[in-house]
Amino acid sequence: MLYCLLIAGLVAGVGAGEEPAPLSPQVDREAWSPSIRQVFEQLDTLDLFSTATKLGRITVKVPRELQKLPMRMIDEADELRNAGVDLYVTELQFQDINFIYDRTPEWNEDRPLIPTMIEFKRLGVSADAKTRLATIPVGATFQNGRMPVEFLPMLEKGFDVLLLPDSRAEETVLDDVTLKVGGPIATGIANRFFSKKVAQLILEHGVGQTLQMGQGDLITGDMATRLLNIKGDSTRGRAVESLVDILR
């Protein structure tokens, strides 16, 4: 019994002599302000873009340097690589899209994030599947869907975008999708690899690039007149373009 008490006292003494775990440094939220501001400026641009999609379907061309889909994102990547298939997202079509978010960022431990929900009536994606023999156009149209996304401010680097975070998987609605594999050269290779899963990954990559485009890439000066079928050099056309400039 005395031996047990001595051991207990020794253990207690060792524990008492340990230094307490260091406290995590306090977050300097002010340092994040410029990056947070950049995110909301981008969301303001996307809100204007959203308004345009309610007037008609908008097509966004994905810049060539951002088109290639990283094959590591695809479960069937080994099969695609062995078949010599590469995927390139060429454009997206948006119709009646909404960006839903709060004007106050959330804080995840020591960094901010701006959770956002993308709701849409129609979201189409076009891509090229380049094989050893030919380039096969493929595409998909998603309807009446929802895509959770998180804008992540980056210190001194603007922001990054995380689409379909695992923590919000139950909020994702991308079930209503129609696949397209075009032309007589749609070989068995294309039909084998182009599944709903691959179409969703193409959509994620394309939307992720689009969300980071600047206003000039998303909204051209004559967009309003094209959507409303108004001649740009007419009095009415010039008035509409002036109004769009004011809204910008």
Foldseek 3Di string as FASTA:
>chain_A
DVVVVVVVVVVVVVVVPDDDDDDDDDAPVVLLVVLLVLLVVLVLLVQLLLVLLALHKFKFFFDQVLFWFDLVVDPCSVVCVVQAKTKGWTMKIFHNKDKDWDSDWDDDVRFTKTKIKIFGAKMKTWMWIDGPVGIKIKIKMFGGWMKIKMWGGDRVPRTAIDTCDPVCVVRTDRPRMDIDTDDPPCDPVNVVPDDPVVNVSSVVSRVRSVSPDDSCSSDPLQSVCVSVVHDCPDPVNVVVSVVVVVSD
